[in-house]
Amino acid sequence: MKKLLFLLLILFPVLAMAQGHKGEVAECAPMKNGKVCYSDTVRVNDMNQDQLFDVISQWAKKNYAKDIFLSNVTYKKAKGTIQVSSKVEMLLDDTDKTIIKYKMAIKCYDNSYSAEVSNIVYQYDPENNKKFKTYSAENVIANNGKSNTVALIKDPKLFCNATFFFVENLFADILDAVNDAEL
């Protein structure tokens, strides 16, 4: 019995991590001009602006152009820009969730691209009454959640970390699409 209990104690951290918790980051809410704004610039060898635009616009079409009620994509090939606006359900922890709305701007260049996610708002209803209230990211996660002005949100660091990892996954998806196209 003691061996079983010891084994469970050893495995508990692994089981907890397997449930989707990614941890905390030091700076989970970067700011730009007073707004929460995540950005990523990636160098890509041997791909010109048109090639990058084609690859990333196909990725955007596949991931965002399916339901106009949830997301919208606009393309400007001459400028090499792709604009995405979307809303999705985001898990904060094992039981709590929110709807996150955001805008993503992607700019393609020769041998690089940049992506920014901004204009983030949360639609939150912790009681699950279908009475969502909308809160800007600046009111919830600015200063890594220390500047939270929303009394209903008891743990703004949850929002901050979940948003950071959500955006990092978006950036990784774009990079994966580009890397797959290079093969």
Protein backbone atom coordinates (compact mmCIF):
# COMPACT_ATOMS: atom_id res chain seq x y z
CA MET A 1 0.00 0.00 0.00
CA LYS A 2 2.84 2.37 0.87
CA LYS A 3 4.45 1.66 -2.51
CA LEU A 4 1.23 2.50 -4.32
CA LEU A 5 0.83 5.75 -2.39
CA PHE A 6 4.46 6.66 -3.09
CA LEU A 7 3.99 5.92 -6.81
CA LEU A 8 0.88 8.11 -6.93
CA LEU A 9 2.72 10.98 -5.24
CA ILE A 10 5.51 10.71 -7.80
CA LEU A 11 3.07 10.61 -10.71
CA PHE A 12 0.78 13.40 -9.42
CA PRO A 13 2.81 16.29 -10.91
CA VAL A 14 2.88 14.50 -14.28
CA LEU A 15 -0.86 13.93 -14.17
CA ALA A 16 -1.50 17.56 -13.20
CA MET A 17 0.60 18.83 -16.10
CA ALA A 18 -1.18 16.50 -18.50
CA GLN A 19 -4.45 18.32 -17.79
CA GLY A 20 -3.42 21.38 -19.78
CA HIS A 21 -1.67 23.61 -17.26
CA LYS A 22 1.30 25.22 -18.90
CA GLY A 23 2.49 27.20 -15.91
CA GLU A 24 3.36 30.84 -15.50
CA VAL A 25 5.56 33.24 -17.40
CA ALA A 26 7.42 36.28 -16.12
CA GLU A 27 5.91 38.73 -18.62
CA CYS A 28 2.50 37.50 -19.75
CA ALA A 29 1.02 40.81 -20.94
CA PRO A 30 3.38 42.84 -23.15
CA MET A 31 2.23 46.40 -23.77
CA LYS A 32 2.50 48.65 -26.83
CA ASN A 33 1.15 52.20 -26.77
CA GLY A 34 -0.89 51.47 -23.63
CA LYS A 35 -2.52 48.34 -25.10
CA VAL A 36 -1.82 44.65 -24.56
CA CYS A 37 -0.04 43.56 -27.74
CA TYR A 38 1.80 40.34 -28.49
CA SER A 39 4.20 40.35 -31.42
CA ASP A 40 6.44 37.93 -33.25
CA THR A 41 8.87 38.51 -36.12
CA VAL A 42 10.30 35.51 -37.92
CA ARG A 43 13.12 35.31 -40.46
CA VAL A 44 12.50 32.82 -43.25
CA ASN A 45 15.22 31.84 -45.67
CA ASP A 46 14.55 31.78 -49.38
CA MET A 47 10.89 32.82 -49.37
CA ASN A 48 9.80 36.06 -50.94
CA GLN A 49 6.85 38.18 -49.85
CA ASP A 50 4.42 36.56 -52.32
CA GLN A 51 5.38 33.03 -51.26
CA LEU A 52 5.01 33.86 -47.58
CA PHE A 53 1.73 35.63 -48.24
CA ASP A 54 0.36 32.60 -50.13
CA VAL A 55 1.37 30.15 -47.38
CA ILE A 56 0.09 32.25 -44.48
CA SER A 57 -3.13 33.26 -46.25
CA GLN A 58 -3.85 29.56 -46.89
CA TRP A 59 -3.24 28.89 -43.20
CA ALA A 60 -5.59 31.77 -42.26
CA LYS A 61 -8.25 30.58 -44.69
CA LYS A 62 -8.08 27.05 -43.31
CA ASN A 63 -8.23 28.16 -39.67
CA TYR A 64 -10.45 31.24 -39.76
CA ALA A 65 -12.61 31.43 -42.85
CA LYS A 66 -15.04 28.67 -41.95
CA ASP A 67 -17.57 30.53 -39.81
CA ILE A 68 -18.17 34.25 -40.41
CA PHE A 69 -19.95 34.51 -37.06
CA LEU A 70 -16.76 33.53 -35.22
CA SER A 71 -13.99 34.95 -37.38
CA ASN A 72 -13.16 37.12 -40.34
CA VAL A 73 -10.10 37.24 -42.60
CA THR A 74 -9.13 39.99 -45.03
CA TYR A 75 -6.23 39.79 -47.43
CA LYS A 76 -4.28 42.50 -49.26
CA LYS A 77 -1.78 40.69 -51.44
CA ALA A 78 -0.29 43.89 -52.92
CA LYS A 79 0.63 45.02 -49.38
CA GLY A 80 1.42 41.51 -48.12
CA THR A 81 -1.02 41.83 -45.22
CA ILE A 82 -3.51 39.46 -43.66
CA GLN A 83 -5.97 40.67 -41.00
CA VAL A 84 -7.78 38.21 -38.77
CA SER A 85 -10.46 38.92 -36.21
CA SER A 86 -11.78 36.02 -34.22
CA LYS A 87 -13.33 34.79 -31.02
CA VAL A 88 -12.83 31.42 -29.40
CA GLU A 89 -13.41 29.76 -26.09
CA MET A 90 -10.24 29.71 -24.01
CA LEU A 91 -9.69 27.44 -21.03
CA LEU A 92 -8.25 29.23 -18.00
CA ASP A 93 -7.81 26.08 -15.90
CA ASP A 94 -9.56 22.72 -15.49
CA THR A 95 -12.98 24.26 -14.81
CA ASP A 96 -12.96 27.94 -15.73
CA LYS A 97 -13.14 29.34 -19.25
CA THR A 98 -13.75 32.57 -21.11
CA ILE A 99 -14.35 33.70 -24.65
CA ILE A 100 -11.43 35.65 -26.02
CA LYS A 101 -11.88 38.05 -28.92
CA TYR A 102 -8.80 39.39 -30.69
CA LYS A 103 -7.37 40.85 -33.86
CA MET A 104 -4.26 39.53 -35.54
CA ALA A 105 -2.30 41.46 -38.14
CA ILE A 106 0.26 39.59 -40.23
CA LYS A 107 2.66 41.40 -42.55
CA CYS A 108 4.75 39.46 -45.06
CA TYR A 109 8.13 40.66 -46.37
CA ASP A 110 10.90 39.08 -48.39
CA ASN A 111 12.46 36.44 -46.10
CA SER A 112 10.40 37.36 -43.01
CA TYR A 113 6.98 38.02 -41.59
CA SER A 114 5.63 39.69 -38.47
CA ALA A 115 2.45 38.97 -36.55
CA GLU A 116 0.71 41.02 -33.86
CA VAL A 117 -2.23 40.05 -31.69
CA SER A 118 -4.03 42.97 -30.06
CA ASN A 119 -7.48 44.43 -29.32
CA ILE A 120 -8.06 41.57 -26.91
CA VAL A 121 -11.28 41.39 -24.94
CA TYR A 122 -12.74 38.70 -22.74
CA GLN A 123 -16.37 37.69 -22.50
CA TYR A 124 -16.61 36.17 -19.07
CA ASP A 125 -19.41 34.48 -17.15
CA PRO A 126 -18.03 32.54 -14.17
CA GLU A 127 -21.52 31.51 -13.02
CA ASN A 128 -22.39 30.04 -16.46
CA ASN A 129 -25.63 32.03 -16.59
CA LYS A 130 -25.17 32.93 -20.27
CA LYS A 131 -24.80 36.56 -19.15
CA PHE A 132 -21.37 37.31 -20.52
CA LYS A 133 -19.80 40.65 -19.69
CA THR A 134 -17.01 42.05 -21.81
CA TYR A 135 -13.70 43.21 -20.35
CA SER A 136 -10.69 44.59 -22.19
CA ALA A 137 -7.35 42.88 -21.68
CA GLU A 138 -5.96 46.17 -20.37
CA ASN A 139 -8.48 46.07 -17.50
CA VAL A 140 -7.65 42.45 -16.65
CA ILE A 141 -4.08 41.48 -17.47
CA ALA A 142 -2.09 44.72 -17.75
CA ASN A 143 1.01 44.71 -15.56
CA ASN A 144 0.83 40.89 -15.48
CA GLY A 145 -2.62 41.04 -13.87
CA LYS A 146 -1.58 43.37 -11.07
CA SER A 147 -3.63 46.21 -12.60
CA ASN A 148 -6.87 44.20 -12.71
CA THR A 149 -9.87 46.52 -12.32
CA VAL A 150 -12.59 43.85 -12.66
CA ALA A 151 -13.87 42.69 -9.26
CA LEU A 152 -15.53 39.61 -10.79
CA ILE A 153 -12.13 38.30 -11.91
CA LYS A 154 -10.49 36.94 -8.79
CA ASP A 155 -7.33 35.55 -10.41
CA PRO A 156 -6.22 37.79 -13.30
CA LYS A 157 -2.93 35.88 -13.52
CA LEU A 158 -4.96 32.92 -14.86
CA PHE A 159 -6.20 35.12 -17.70
CA CYS A 160 -2.72 36.52 -18.26
CA ASN A 161 -0.98 33.15 -18.51
CA ALA A 162 -3.76 31.53 -20.55
CA THR A 163 -3.72 34.44 -23.02
CA PHE A 164 0.06 34.32 -23.33
CA PHE A 165 0.07 30.58 -24.09
CA PHE A 166 -2.91 30.92 -26.44
CA VAL A 167 -1.09 33.58 -28.48
CA GLU A 168 2.18 31.64 -28.41
CA ASN A 169 0.29 28.67 -29.89
CA LEU A 170 -1.12 30.93 -32.63
CA PHE A 171 2.38 32.12 -33.50
CA ALA A 172 3.65 28.52 -33.47
CA ASP A 173 0.84 27.46 -35.84
CA ILE A 174 1.86 30.14 -38.33
CA LEU A 175 5.50 29.10 -38.09
CA ASP A 176 4.56 25.43 -38.57
CA ALA A 177 2.62 26.32 -41.73
CA VAL A 178 5.62 28.24 -43.09
CA ASN A 179 8.08 25.50 -42.16
CA ASP A 180 5.85 22.83 -43.76
CA ALA A 181 5.76 24.87 -46.97
CA GLU A 182 9.56 25.12 -47.09
CA LEU A 183 9.94 21.33 -47.24
